[in-house]
């Protein structure tokens, strides 16, 4: 009897000990962060994402989905808010759909270049806008992911010099009021169409043109069904690397610092690569037979700014915001 009790005690203690020893391993399981982006796996930002994933791998497992395969363009923000997604590369236009004040950050000719965008989000004013997203949407913004100045690419060979020349041009723009208004501010007839459908749309004549940075034109092969690129540079293209505020707030301060540092490094690398690629692509597209030229930028800037200031969008803009951004 004593032998049997001793044996049972030993077995029970062994089981308890093995369970206890297993607890730390379970507690230390790395959280998986699902990441959704509309850009393709061939995009520079996909490499950015991979390097970021490598930098945070000791604490988190990043599970990326490219090309809008997990959530379609424009739906990522809602997925973050509902807890169906942990990280996303979100367009500022999507944020402006829920926070009207953000529409100023989607307006034409606001930012001068990529460095200006970065300077804004690092500024006190930028921090105020990030706090709006945190407080109202439950989304923490890590920073902007630059992807190039947006240029107008057309299938038609009609020469474009001023916004008046864009009259009647069916210009594909993403869905959403902010995007559609941007097309109007260029003088065009904006036409909503999913990103993945643009190539076919140009090919079939469903649209006359699209507006995208040159790296996107390369990645999606839009240049194959275009005849010209009008260097309007009407919008400095950037999205926002974001993470659910819930996930962010569950991190320790040390984890947050490391996570932000990894994001900053990845975003800076991506920006450098995009700037270099834009220069190279200009020559590549010329060699491919596309006509590339600069229209009357002063006329485009004036036309666009007047459209915005006269619109309902501008009514929600914080007082003095244009002067604050211009002064950075």
C-alpha atoms as a PDB file:
ATOM      1  CA  UNK A   1       0.000   0.000   0.000  1.00  0.00           C
ATOM      2  CA  UNK A   2       2.783   2.390   0.971  1.00  0.00           C
ATOM      3  CA  UNK A   3       4.629   1.511  -2.203  1.00  0.00           C
ATOM      4  CA  UNK A   4       1.509   2.133  -4.315  1.00  0.00           C
ATOM      5  CA  UNK A   5       0.825   5.532  -2.649  1.00  0.00           C
ATOM      6  CA  UNK A   6       4.432   6.539  -3.121  1.00  0.00           C
ATOM      7  CA  UNK A   7       4.249   5.527  -6.769  1.00  0.00           C
ATOM      8  CA  UNK A   8       1.025   7.488  -7.303  1.00  0.00           C
ATOM      9  CA  UNK A   9       2.479  10.520  -5.553  1.00  0.00           C
ATOM     10  CA  UNK A  10       5.590  10.360  -7.727  1.00  0.00           C
ATOM     11  CA  UNK A  11       3.567  10.100 -10.932  1.00  0.00           C
ATOM     12  CA  UNK A  12       1.278  12.954  -9.899  1.00  0.00           C
ATOM     13  CA  UNK A  13       4.201  15.146  -8.960  1.00  0.00           C
ATOM     14  CA  UNK A  14       5.852  14.382 -12.289  1.00  0.00           C
ATOM     15  CA  UNK A  15       2.729  15.411 -14.204  1.00  0.00           C
ATOM     16  CA  UNK A  16       2.374  18.619 -12.182  1.00  0.00           C
ATOM     17  CA  UNK A  17       6.050  19.411 -12.643  1.00  0.00           C
ATOM     18  CA  UNK A  18       5.847  18.848 -16.390  1.00  0.00           C
ATOM     19  CA  UNK A  19       2.803  21.087 -16.586  1.00  0.00           C
ATOM     20  CA  UNK A  20       4.507  23.775 -14.539  1.00  0.00           C
ATOM     21  CA  UNK A  21       7.624  23.617 -16.672  1.00  0.00           C
ATOM     22  CA  UNK A  22       5.465  23.965 -19.769  1.00  0.00           C
ATOM     23  CA  UNK A  23       3.758  27.130 -18.602  1.00  0.00           C
ATOM     24  CA  UNK A  24       6.526  29.624 -19.410  1.00  0.00           C
ATOM     25  CA  UNK A  25       6.814  28.261 -22.948  1.00  0.00           C
ATOM     26  CA  UNK A  26       3.078  28.744 -23.431  1.00  0.00           C
ATOM     27  CA  UNK A  27       3.132  32.191 -21.906  1.00  0.00           C
ATOM     28  CA  UNK A  28       5.984  33.191 -24.160  1.00  0.00           C
ATOM     29  CA  UNK A  29       4.247  32.205 -27.411  1.00  0.00           C
ATOM     30  CA  UNK A  30       4.737  35.037 -29.903  1.00  0.00           C
ATOM     31  CA  UNK A  31       1.562  36.840 -30.981  1.00  0.00           C
ATOM     32  CA  UNK A  32       0.796  36.607 -34.695  1.00  0.00           C
ATOM     33  CA  UNK A  33       0.102  39.941 -36.363  1.00  0.00           C
ATOM     34  CA  UNK A  34      -1.905  39.660 -39.565  1.00  0.00           C
ATOM     35  CA  UNK A  35      -0.844  42.436 -41.949  1.00  0.00           C
ATOM     36  CA  UNK A  36      -2.892  43.492 -44.973  1.00  0.00           C
ATOM     37  CA  UNK A  37      -1.765  45.656 -47.902  1.00  0.00           C
ATOM     38  CA  UNK A  38      -3.048  46.422 -51.369  1.00  0.00           C
ATOM     39  CA  UNK A  39       0.449  46.558 -52.859  1.00  0.00           C
ATOM     40  CA  UNK A  40       1.824  43.498 -54.647  1.00  0.00           C
ATOM     41  CA  UNK A  41       4.552  41.194 -53.401  1.00  0.00           C
ATOM     42  CA  UNK A  42       6.814  42.687 -56.091  1.00  0.00           C
ATOM     43  CA  UNK A  43       6.466  46.155 -54.535  1.00  0.00           C
ATOM     44  CA  UNK A  44       9.370  47.745 -52.668  1.00  0.00           C
ATOM     45  CA  UNK A  45       7.059  47.993 -49.668  1.00  0.00           C
ATOM     46  CA  UNK A  46       6.767  44.206 -49.606  1.00  0.00           C
ATOM     47  CA  UNK A  47      10.541  44.110 -49.053  1.00  0.00           C
ATOM     48  CA  UNK A  48      10.041  46.787 -46.400  1.00  0.00           C
ATOM     49  CA  UNK A  49       7.494  44.530 -44.719  1.00  0.00           C
ATOM     50  CA  UNK A  50       9.823  41.533 -44.818  1.00  0.00           C
ATOM     51  CA  UNK A  51      12.698  43.452 -43.236  1.00  0.00           C
ATOM     52  CA  UNK A  52      10.321  44.783 -40.581  1.00  0.00           C
ATOM     53  CA  UNK A  53       9.084  41.245 -39.873  1.00  0.00           C
ATOM     54  CA  UNK A  54      12.674  40.089 -39.441  1.00  0.00           C
ATOM     55  CA  UNK A  55      13.405  42.924 -37.009  1.00  0.00           C
ATOM     56  CA  UNK A  56      10.448  42.105 -34.734  1.00  0.00           C
ATOM     57  CA  UNK A  57      10.602  38.308 -34.976  1.00  0.00           C
ATOM     58  CA  UNK A  58      11.825  37.796 -31.399  1.00  0.00           C
ATOM     59  CA  UNK A  59       8.549  39.137 -30.033  1.00  0.00           C
ATOM     60  CA  UNK A  60       6.036  38.889 -32.878  1.00  0.00           C
ATOM     61  CA  UNK A  61       5.252  36.820 -35.960  1.00  0.00           C
ATOM     62  CA  UNK A  62       4.166  39.006 -38.856  1.00  0.00           C
ATOM     63  CA  UNK A  63       1.788  37.304 -41.278  1.00  0.00           C
ATOM     64  CA  UNK A  64       1.601  39.477 -44.424  1.00  0.00           C
ATOM     65  CA  UNK A  65      -1.080  39.405 -47.103  1.00  0.00           C
ATOM     66  CA  UNK A  66      -0.374  41.359 -50.297  1.00  0.00           C
ATOM     67  CA  UNK A  67      -2.447  42.494 -53.255  1.00  0.00           C
ATOM     68  CA  UNK A  68      -5.621  42.948 -51.225  1.00  0.00           C
ATOM     69  CA  UNK A  69      -5.983  39.177 -50.913  1.00  0.00           C
ATOM     70  CA  UNK A  70      -7.085  39.251 -47.264  1.00  0.00           C
ATOM     71  CA  UNK A  71      -9.054  42.510 -47.255  1.00  0.00           C
ATOM     72  CA  UNK A  72      -9.892  44.583 -50.313  1.00  0.00           C
ATOM     73  CA  UNK A  73      -8.621  48.122 -50.748  1.00  0.00           C
ATOM     74  CA  UNK A  74     -10.534  50.454 -48.470  1.00  0.00           C
ATOM     75  CA  UNK A  75     -11.744  47.765 -46.070  1.00  0.00           C
ATOM     76  CA  UNK A  76      -8.542  47.272 -44.058  1.00  0.00           C
ATOM     77  CA  UNK A  77      -9.306  50.067 -41.597  1.00  0.00           C
ATOM     78  CA  UNK A  78     -12.678  48.605 -40.628  1.00  0.00           C
ATOM     79  CA  UNK A  79     -11.031  45.187 -40.249  1.00  0.00           C
ATOM     80  CA  UNK A  80      -8.529  46.747 -37.823  1.00  0.00           C
ATOM     81  CA  UNK A  81     -11.328  48.382 -35.872  1.00  0.00           C
ATOM     82  CA  UNK A  82     -13.287  45.135 -35.630  1.00  0.00           C
ATOM     83  CA  UNK A  83     -10.267  43.176 -34.432  1.00  0.00           C
ATOM     84  CA  UNK A  84     -10.113  41.025 -37.578  1.00  0.00           C
ATOM     85  CA  UNK A  85      -6.728  42.491 -38.491  1.00  0.00           C
ATOM     86  CA  UNK A  86      -3.759  43.555 -36.368  1.00  0.00           C
ATOM     87  CA  UNK A  87      -1.734  45.638 -38.826  1.00  0.00           C
ATOM     88  CA  UNK A  88      -2.383  47.339 -42.143  1.00  0.00           C
ATOM     89  CA  UNK A  89      -0.955  49.712 -44.703  1.00  0.00           C
ATOM     90  CA  UNK A  90      -3.839  52.175 -44.678  1.00  0.00           C
ATOM     91  CA  UNK A  91      -4.553  55.016 -47.113  1.00  0.00           C
ATOM     92  CA  UNK A  92      -5.087  58.412 -45.421  1.00  0.00           C
ATOM     93  CA  UNK A  93      -8.188  58.751 -47.607  1.00  0.00           C
ATOM     94  CA  UNK A  94      -9.743  55.843 -45.696  1.00  0.00           C
ATOM     95  CA  UNK A  95      -9.107  57.618 -42.413  1.00  0.00           C
ATOM     96  CA  UNK A  96     -10.609  60.825 -43.815  1.00  0.00           C
ATOM     97  CA  UNK A  97     -13.825  58.912 -44.535  1.00  0.00           C
ATOM     98  CA  UNK A  98     -14.273  58.602 -40.770  1.00  0.00           C
ATOM     99  CA  UNK A  99     -12.422  61.708 -39.563  1.00  0.00           C
ATOM    100  CA  UNK A 100     -13.287  64.679 -41.837  1.00  0.00           C
ATOM    101  CA  UNK A 101     -10.353  66.759 -40.527  1.00  0.00           C
ATOM    102  CA  UNK A 102      -8.019  64.251 -42.146  1.00  0.00           C
ATOM    103  CA  UNK A 103      -9.223  65.185 -45.632  1.00  0.00           C
ATOM    104  CA  UNK A 104      -6.688  68.028 -45.705  1.00  0.00           C
ATOM    105  CA  UNK A 105      -3.917  65.412 -45.664  1.00  0.00           C
ATOM    106  CA  UNK A 106      -5.340  63.947 -48.871  1.00  0.00           C
ATOM    107  CA  UNK A 107      -5.614  67.234 -50.745  1.00  0.00           C
ATOM    108  CA  UNK A 108      -3.654  68.005 -53.897  1.00  0.00           C
ATOM    109  CA  UNK A 109      -0.372  69.915 -53.724  1.00  0.00           C
ATOM    110  CA  UNK A 110      -0.268  69.945 -49.892  1.00  0.00           C
ATOM    111  CA  UNK A 111       3.121  68.251 -49.482  1.00  0.00           C
ATOM    112  CA  UNK A 112       6.213  69.166 -51.485  1.00  0.00           C
ATOM    113  CA  UNK A 113       7.985  65.813 -51.411  1.00  0.00           C
ATOM    114  CA  UNK A 114       8.597  62.655 -49.381  1.00  0.00           C
ATOM    115  CA  UNK A 115      10.769  64.428 -46.818  1.00  0.00           C
ATOM    116  CA  UNK A 116       7.974  66.946 -46.230  1.00  0.00           C
ATOM    117  CA  UNK A 117       5.500  64.133 -45.464  1.00  0.00           C
ATOM    118  CA  UNK A 118       7.906  62.578 -42.951  1.00  0.00           C
ATOM    119  CA  UNK A 119       8.584  65.965 -41.338  1.00  0.00           C
ATOM    120  CA  UNK A 120       4.846  66.531 -40.928  1.00  0.00           C
ATOM    121  CA  UNK A 121       4.159  63.234 -39.154  1.00  0.00           C
ATOM    122  CA  UNK A 122       7.171  63.851 -36.893  1.00  0.00           C
ATOM    123  CA  UNK A 123       5.896  67.326 -35.984  1.00  0.00           C
ATOM    124  CA  UNK A 124       3.567  68.449 -33.177  1.00  0.00           C
ATOM    125  CA  UNK A 125       0.814  69.036 -35.728  1.00  0.00           C
ATOM    126  CA  UNK A 126       1.323  65.544 -37.115  1.00  0.00           C
ATOM    127  CA  UNK A 127       1.104  64.146 -33.593  1.00  0.00           C
ATOM    128  CA  UNK A 128      -2.298  65.817 -33.196  1.00  0.00           C
ATOM    129  CA  UNK A 129      -3.575  64.073 -36.323  1.00  0.00           C
ATOM    130  CA  UNK A 130      -2.187  60.734 -35.169  1.00  0.00           C
ATOM    131  CA  UNK A 131      -3.933  61.211 -31.821  1.00  0.00           C
ATOM    132  CA  UNK A 132      -7.239  61.766 -33.651  1.00  0.00           C
ATOM    133  CA  UNK A 133      -6.834  58.341 -35.259  1.00  0.00           C
ATOM    134  CA  UNK A 134      -5.875  56.785 -31.932  1.00  0.00           C
ATOM    135  CA  UNK A 135      -8.759  58.302 -29.991  1.00  0.00           C
ATOM    136  CA  UNK A 136     -11.508  58.042 -32.589  1.00  0.00           C
ATOM    137  CA  UNK A 137     -10.584  54.926 -34.559  1.00  0.00           C
ATOM    138  CA  UNK A 138      -8.525  52.801 -32.192  1.00  0.00           C
ATOM    139  CA  UNK A 139      -5.605  52.765 -34.607  1.00  0.00           C
ATOM    140  CA  UNK A 140      -1.995  53.582 -33.776  1.00  0.00           C
ATOM    141  CA  UNK A 141      -0.011  55.135 -36.639  1.00  0.00           C
ATOM    142  CA  UNK A 142       3.651  54.135 -36.846  1.00  0.00           C
ATOM    143  CA  UNK A 143       4.424  56.452 -39.755  1.00  0.00           C
ATOM    144  CA  UNK A 144       4.014  57.186 -43.476  1.00  0.00           C
ATOM    145  CA  UNK A 145       5.060  54.717 -46.170  1.00  0.00           C
ATOM    146  CA  UNK A 146       6.023  56.806 -49.195  1.00  0.00           C
ATOM    147  CA  UNK A 147       5.400  55.217 -52.584  1.00  0.00           C
ATOM    148  CA  UNK A 148       5.996  58.046 -55.046  1.00  0.00           C
ATOM    149  CA  UNK A 149       4.501  61.227 -56.425  1.00  0.00           C
ATOM    150  CA  UNK A 150       1.247  60.508 -58.230  1.00  0.00           C
ATOM    151  CA  UNK A 151       1.316  61.258 -61.955  1.00  0.00           C
ATOM    152  CA  UNK A 152      -1.430  61.067 -64.565  1.00  0.00           C
ATOM    153  CA  UNK A 153      -1.018  58.207 -67.042  1.00  0.00           C
ATOM    154  CA  UNK A 154      -3.195  58.211 -70.146  1.00  0.00           C
ATOM    155  CA  UNK A 155      -4.046  55.822 -72.950  1.00  0.00           C
ATOM    156  CA  UNK A 156      -5.154  58.706 -75.162  1.00  0.00           C
ATOM    157  CA  UNK A 157      -2.499  60.745 -76.984  1.00  0.00           C
ATOM    158  CA  UNK A 158      -4.286  64.039 -76.242  1.00  0.00           C
ATOM    159  CA  UNK A 159      -1.744  66.605 -75.070  1.00  0.00           C
ATOM    160  CA  UNK A 160      -2.412  67.867 -71.542  1.00  0.00           C
ATOM    161  CA  UNK A 161      -1.151  71.312 -70.560  1.00  0.00           C
ATOM    162  CA  UNK A 162      -3.784  72.654 -68.142  1.00  0.00           C
ATOM    163  CA  UNK A 163      -6.658  71.247 -66.045  1.00  0.00           C
ATOM    164  CA  UNK A 164      -9.050  72.364 -68.779  1.00  0.00           C
ATOM    165  CA  UNK A 165      -7.412  69.806 -71.090  1.00  0.00           C
ATOM    166  CA  UNK A 166      -8.504  67.060 -68.659  1.00  0.00           C
ATOM    167  CA  UNK A 167     -12.202  67.770 -69.307  1.00  0.00           C
ATOM    168  CA  UNK A 168     -14.002  64.584 -70.294  1.00  0.00           C
ATOM    169  CA  UNK A 169     -11.053  62.340 -69.430  1.00  0.00           C
ATOM    170  CA  UNK A 170     -12.320  59.246 -67.574  1.00  0.00           C
ATOM    171  CA  UNK A 171      -9.625  59.063 -64.927  1.00  0.00           C
ATOM    172  CA  UNK A 172      -9.663  56.019 -62.695  1.00  0.00           C
ATOM    173  CA  UNK A 173      -9.526  56.918 -59.023  1.00  0.00           C
ATOM    174  CA  UNK A 174      -9.994  54.625 -56.020  1.00  0.00           C
ATOM    175  CA  UNK A 175     -13.450  54.619 -54.446  1.00  0.00           C
ATOM    176  CA  UNK A 176     -14.309  57.099 -51.725  1.00  0.00           C
ATOM    177  CA  UNK A 177     -15.209  60.768 -51.673  1.00  0.00           C
ATOM    178  CA  UNK A 178     -11.687  62.027 -51.023  1.00  0.00           C
ATOM    179  CA  UNK A 179     -10.244  60.148 -53.992  1.00  0.00           C
ATOM    180  CA  UNK A 180     -13.089  61.100 -56.298  1.00  0.00           C
ATOM    181  CA  UNK A 181     -12.762  64.765 -55.356  1.00  0.00           C
ATOM    182  CA  UNK A 182      -9.052  64.627 -56.136  1.00  0.00           C
ATOM    183  CA  UNK A 183      -9.903  63.549 -59.681  1.00  0.00           C
ATOM    184  CA  UNK A 184     -12.304  66.460 -59.985  1.00  0.00           C
ATOM    185  CA  UNK A 185      -9.628  68.828 -58.659  1.00  0.00           C
ATOM    186  CA  UNK A 186      -7.446  67.787 -61.600  1.00  0.00           C
ATOM    187  CA  UNK A 187     -10.192  68.716 -64.060  1.00  0.00           C
ATOM    188  CA  UNK A 188     -10.988  65.105 -64.953  1.00  0.00           C
ATOM    189  CA  UNK A 189     -14.082  62.927 -64.828  1.00  0.00           C
ATOM    190  CA  UNK A 190     -13.175  60.621 -61.906  1.00  0.00           C
ATOM    191  CA  UNK A 191     -14.219  56.994 -62.296  1.00  0.00           C
ATOM    192  CA  UNK A 192     -14.053  54.581 -59.332  1.00  0.00           C
ATOM    193  CA  UNK A 193     -12.413  51.263 -60.129  1.00  0.00           C
ATOM    194  CA  UNK A 194     -10.595  48.600 -58.096  1.00  0.00           C
ATOM    195  CA  UNK A 195      -6.816  48.693 -58.360  1.00  0.00           C
ATOM    196  CA  UNK A 196      -6.634  45.143 -59.734  1.00  0.00           C
ATOM    197  CA  UNK A 197      -9.005  46.087 -62.593  1.00  0.00           C
ATOM    198  CA  UNK A 198      -7.089  49.126 -63.874  1.00  0.00           C
ATOM    199  CA  UNK A 199      -4.942  47.288 -66.448  1.00  0.00           C
ATOM    200  CA  UNK A 200      -8.004  45.753 -68.108  1.00  0.00           C
ATOM    201  CA  UNK A 201      -9.874  49.051 -67.828  1.00  0.00           C
ATOM    202  CA  UNK A 202      -7.144  50.847 -69.781  1.00  0.00           C
ATOM    203  CA  UNK A 203      -6.894  48.002 -72.254  1.00  0.00           C
ATOM    204  CA  UNK A 204     -10.614  47.966 -73.042  1.00  0.00           C
ATOM    205  CA  UNK A 205     -11.156  51.727 -72.934  1.00  0.00           C
ATOM    206  CA  UNK A 206     -13.441  51.597 -69.891  1.00  0.00           C
ATOM    207  CA  UNK A 207     -11.151  54.332 -68.553  1.00  0.00           C
ATOM    208  CA  UNK A 208      -8.892  56.813 -70.353  1.00  0.00           C
ATOM    209  CA  UNK A 209      -6.257  56.974 -67.666  1.00  0.00           C
ATOM    210  CA  UNK A 210      -5.167  56.410 -64.093  1.00  0.00           C
ATOM    211  CA  UNK A 211      -3.135  58.287 -61.512  1.00  0.00           C
ATOM    212  CA  UNK A 212      -0.369  56.444 -59.710  1.00  0.00           C
ATOM    213  CA  UNK A 213       3.277  56.879 -58.795  1.00  0.00           C
ATOM    214  CA  UNK A 214       5.734  55.537 -61.355  1.00  0.00           C
ATOM    215  CA  UNK A 215       6.749  52.483 -59.250  1.00  0.00           C
ATOM    216  CA  UNK A 216       3.100  51.373 -59.186  1.00  0.00           C
ATOM    217  CA  UNK A 217       2.862  51.857 -62.959  1.00  0.00           C
ATOM    218  CA  UNK A 218       5.870  49.566 -63.273  1.00  0.00           C
ATOM    219  CA  UNK A 219       4.687  46.918 -60.798  1.00  0.00           C
ATOM    220  CA  UNK A 220       1.208  46.669 -62.306  1.00  0.00           C
ATOM    221  CA  UNK A 221       2.487  47.011 -65.901  1.00  0.00           C
ATOM    222  CA  UNK A 222       0.099  49.870 -66.640  1.00  0.00           C
ATOM    223  CA  UNK A 223       2.722  51.317 -68.999  1.00  0.00           C
ATOM    224  CA  UNK A 224       1.928  48.508 -71.445  1.00  0.00           C
ATOM    225  CA  UNK A 225      -1.527  50.008 -72.060  1.00  0.00           C
ATOM    226  CA  UNK A 226      -0.623  53.709 -71.823  1.00  0.00           C
ATOM    227  CA  UNK A 227       0.785  56.174 -74.353  1.00  0.00           C
ATOM    228  CA  UNK A 228       1.855  59.037 -72.103  1.00  0.00           C
ATOM    229  CA  UNK A 229       2.641  60.189 -68.573  1.00  0.00           C
ATOM    230  CA  UNK A 230       1.758  63.721 -67.528  1.00  0.00           C
ATOM    231  CA  UNK A 231       4.022  64.775 -64.654  1.00  0.00           C
ATOM    232  CA  UNK A 232       1.389  66.550 -62.602  1.00  0.00           C
ATOM    233  CA  UNK A 233       2.946  65.455 -59.258  1.00  0.00           C
ATOM    234  CA  UNK A 234      -0.419  66.382 -57.781  1.00  0.00           C
ATOM    235  CA  UNK A 235      -0.165  64.196 -54.698  1.00  0.00           C
ATOM    236  CA  UNK A 236       2.826  62.919 -52.777  1.00  0.00           C
ATOM    237  CA  UNK A 237       1.745  59.331 -52.433  1.00  0.00           C
ATOM    238  CA  UNK A 238       1.913  57.778 -49.006  1.00  0.00           C
ATOM    239  CA  UNK A 239       0.001  55.294 -46.941  1.00  0.00           C
ATOM    240  CA  UNK A 240       0.241  54.751 -43.206  1.00  0.00           C
ATOM    241  CA  UNK A 241       1.806  51.791 -41.435  1.00  0.00           C
ATOM    242  CA  UNK A 242      -0.703  51.146 -38.683  1.00  0.00           C
ATOM    243  CA  UNK A 243      -1.336  48.743 -35.837  1.00  0.00           C
ATOM    244  CA  UNK A 244      -4.414  48.154 -33.734  1.00  0.00           C
ATOM    245  CA  UNK A 245      -4.296  50.352 -30.621  1.00  0.00           C
ATOM    246  CA  UNK A 246      -5.352  47.315 -28.589  1.00  0.00           C
ATOM    247  CA  UNK A 247      -2.315  45.355 -29.743  1.00  0.00           C
ATOM    248  CA  UNK A 248      -0.047  48.378 -29.294  1.00  0.00           C
ATOM    249  CA  UNK A 249      -1.260  49.053 -25.754  1.00  0.00           C
ATOM    250  CA  UNK A 250      -0.678  45.438 -24.744  1.00  0.00           C
ATOM    251  CA  UNK A 251       3.046  45.835 -25.472  1.00  0.00           C
ATOM    252  CA  UNK A 252       5.520  46.780 -22.797  1.00  0.00           C
ATOM    253  CA  UNK A 253       7.171  50.219 -23.178  1.00  0.00           C
ATOM    254  CA  UNK A 254      10.368  48.458 -24.221  1.00  0.00           C
ATOM    255  CA  UNK A 255       8.545  46.464 -26.899  1.00  0.00           C
ATOM    256  CA  UNK A 256       6.882  49.627 -28.196  1.00  0.00           C
ATOM    257  CA  UNK A 257      10.246  51.386 -28.489  1.00  0.00           C
ATOM    258  CA  UNK A 258      11.799  48.456 -30.357  1.00  0.00           C
ATOM    259  CA  UNK A 259       8.734  48.050 -32.564  1.00  0.00           C
ATOM    260  CA  UNK A 260       8.711  51.738 -33.534  1.00  0.00           C
ATOM    261  CA  UNK A 261      12.457  51.724 -34.213  1.00  0.00           C
ATOM    262  CA  UNK A 262      12.067  48.705 -36.516  1.00  0.00           C
ATOM    263  CA  UNK A 263       9.210  50.429 -38.356  1.00  0.00           C
ATOM    264  CA  UNK A 264      11.176  53.688 -38.724  1.00  0.00           C
ATOM    265  CA  UNK A 265      14.161  51.871 -40.193  1.00  0.00           C
ATOM    266  CA  UNK A 266      12.035  49.874 -42.643  1.00  0.00           C
ATOM    267  CA  UNK A 267      10.042  52.926 -43.782  1.00  0.00           C
ATOM    268  CA  UNK A 268      13.196  55.024 -44.297  1.00  0.00           C
ATOM    269  CA  UNK A 269      14.756  52.278 -46.431  1.00  0.00           C
ATOM    270  CA  UNK A 270      11.593  51.959 -48.506  1.00  0.00           C
ATOM    271  CA  UNK A 271      11.461  55.721 -49.101  1.00  0.00           C
ATOM    272  CA  UNK A 272      15.053  55.791 -50.339  1.00  0.00           C
ATOM    273  CA  UNK A 273      14.368  52.901 -52.695  1.00  0.00           C
ATOM    274  CA  UNK A 274      11.235  54.529 -54.111  1.00  0.00           C
ATOM    275  CA  UNK A 275      12.989  57.840 -54.761  1.00  0.00           C
ATOM    276  CA  UNK A 276      15.792  56.062 -56.605  1.00  0.00           C
ATOM    277  CA  UNK A 277      13.336  53.962 -58.594  1.00  0.00           C
ATOM    278  CA  UNK A 278      11.295  56.990 -59.677  1.00  0.00           C
ATOM    279  CA  UNK A 279      14.371  58.510 -61.320  1.00  0.00           C
ATOM    280  CA  UNK A 280      15.284  55.292 -63.094  1.00  0.00           C
ATOM    281  CA  UNK A 281      11.741  54.612 -64.296  1.00  0.00           C
ATOM    282  CA  UNK A 282      11.482  57.954 -66.034  1.00  0.00           C
ATOM    283  CA  UNK A 283      14.157  56.836 -68.490  1.00  0.00           C
ATOM    284  CA  UNK A 284      12.823  53.299 -68.704  1.00  0.00           C
ATOM    285  CA  UNK A 285       9.342  54.453 -69.719  1.00  0.00           C
ATOM    286  CA  UNK A 286      10.759  56.842 -72.301  1.00  0.00           C
ATOM    287  CA  UNK A 287      12.727  53.961 -73.792  1.00  0.00           C
ATOM    288  CA  UNK A 288       9.496  51.932 -73.879  1.00  0.00           C
ATOM    289  CA  UNK A 289       7.963  54.571 -76.150  1.00  0.00           C
ATOM    290  CA  UNK A 290       5.863  56.567 -73.695  1.00  0.00           C
ATOM    291  CA  UNK A 291       5.792  60.335 -74.009  1.00  0.00           C
ATOM    292  CA  UNK A 292       6.660  61.952 -70.678  1.00  0.00           C
ATOM    293  CA  UNK A 293       6.285  65.671 -70.108  1.00  0.00           C
ATOM    294  CA  UNK A 294       5.464  68.312 -67.508  1.00  0.00           C
ATOM    295  CA  UNK A 295       2.285  70.366 -67.920  1.00  0.00           C
ATOM    296  CA  UNK A 296       1.634  73.860 -66.538  1.00  0.00           C
ATOM    297  CA  UNK A 297       2.042  72.949 -62.866  1.00  0.00           C
ATOM    298  CA  UNK A 298       1.157  76.429 -61.634  1.00  0.00           C
ATOM    299  CA  UNK A 299      -2.176  76.173 -63.446  1.00  0.00           C
ATOM    300  CA  UNK A 300      -2.864  72.718 -61.993  1.00  0.00           C
ATOM    301  CA  UNK A 301      -1.900  73.822 -58.471  1.00  0.00           C
ATOM    302  CA  UNK A 302      -4.094  76.930 -58.623  1.00  0.00           C
ATOM    303  CA  UNK A 303      -7.069  75.045 -60.053  1.00  0.00           C
ATOM    304  CA  UNK A 304      -6.833  72.253 -57.472  1.00  0.00           C
ATOM    305  CA  UNK A 305      -6.388  74.519 -54.466  1.00  0.00           C
ATOM    306  CA  UNK A 306      -9.344  76.677 -55.477  1.00  0.00           C
ATOM    307  CA  UNK A 307     -11.503  73.555 -55.861  1.00  0.00           C
ATOM    308  CA  UNK A 308     -10.560  72.315 -52.387  1.00  0.00           C
ATOM    309  CA  UNK A 309     -10.996  75.647 -50.608  1.00  0.00           C
ATOM    310  CA  UNK A 310     -14.447  76.095 -52.156  1.00  0.00           C
ATOM    311  CA  UNK A 311     -15.546  72.581 -51.193  1.00  0.00           C
ATOM    312  CA  UNK A 312     -17.316  71.189 -48.143  1.00  0.00           C
ATOM    313  CA  UNK A 313     -14.152  69.237 -47.389  1.00  0.00           C
ATOM    314  CA  UNK A 314     -12.281  72.385 -46.399  1.00  0.00           C
ATOM    315  CA  UNK A 315     -14.959  73.280 -43.838  1.00  0.00           C
ATOM    316  CA  UNK A 316     -13.654  70.522 -41.569  1.00  0.00           C
ATOM    317  CA  UNK A 317      -9.986  71.465 -41.849  1.00  0.00           C
ATOM    318  CA  UNK A 318      -8.355  72.720 -38.635  1.00  0.00           C
ATOM    319  CA  UNK A 319      -7.777  76.462 -38.660  1.00  0.00           C
ATOM    320  CA  UNK A 320      -4.375  77.469 -40.009  1.00  0.00           C
ATOM    321  CA  UNK A 321      -3.454  73.921 -41.036  1.00  0.00           C
ATOM    322  CA  UNK A 322      -2.283  74.859 -44.549  1.00  0.00           C
ATOM    323  CA  UNK A 323       0.111  77.463 -43.147  1.00  0.00           C
ATOM    324  CA  UNK A 324       1.413  75.019 -40.517  1.00  0.00           C
ATOM    325  CA  UNK A 325       2.124  72.330 -43.105  1.00  0.00           C
ATOM    326  CA  UNK A 326       3.714  74.812 -45.530  1.00  0.00           C
ATOM    327  CA  UNK A 327       5.993  76.073 -42.765  1.00  0.00           C
ATOM    328  CA  UNK A 328       7.561  72.679 -42.016  1.00  0.00           C
END
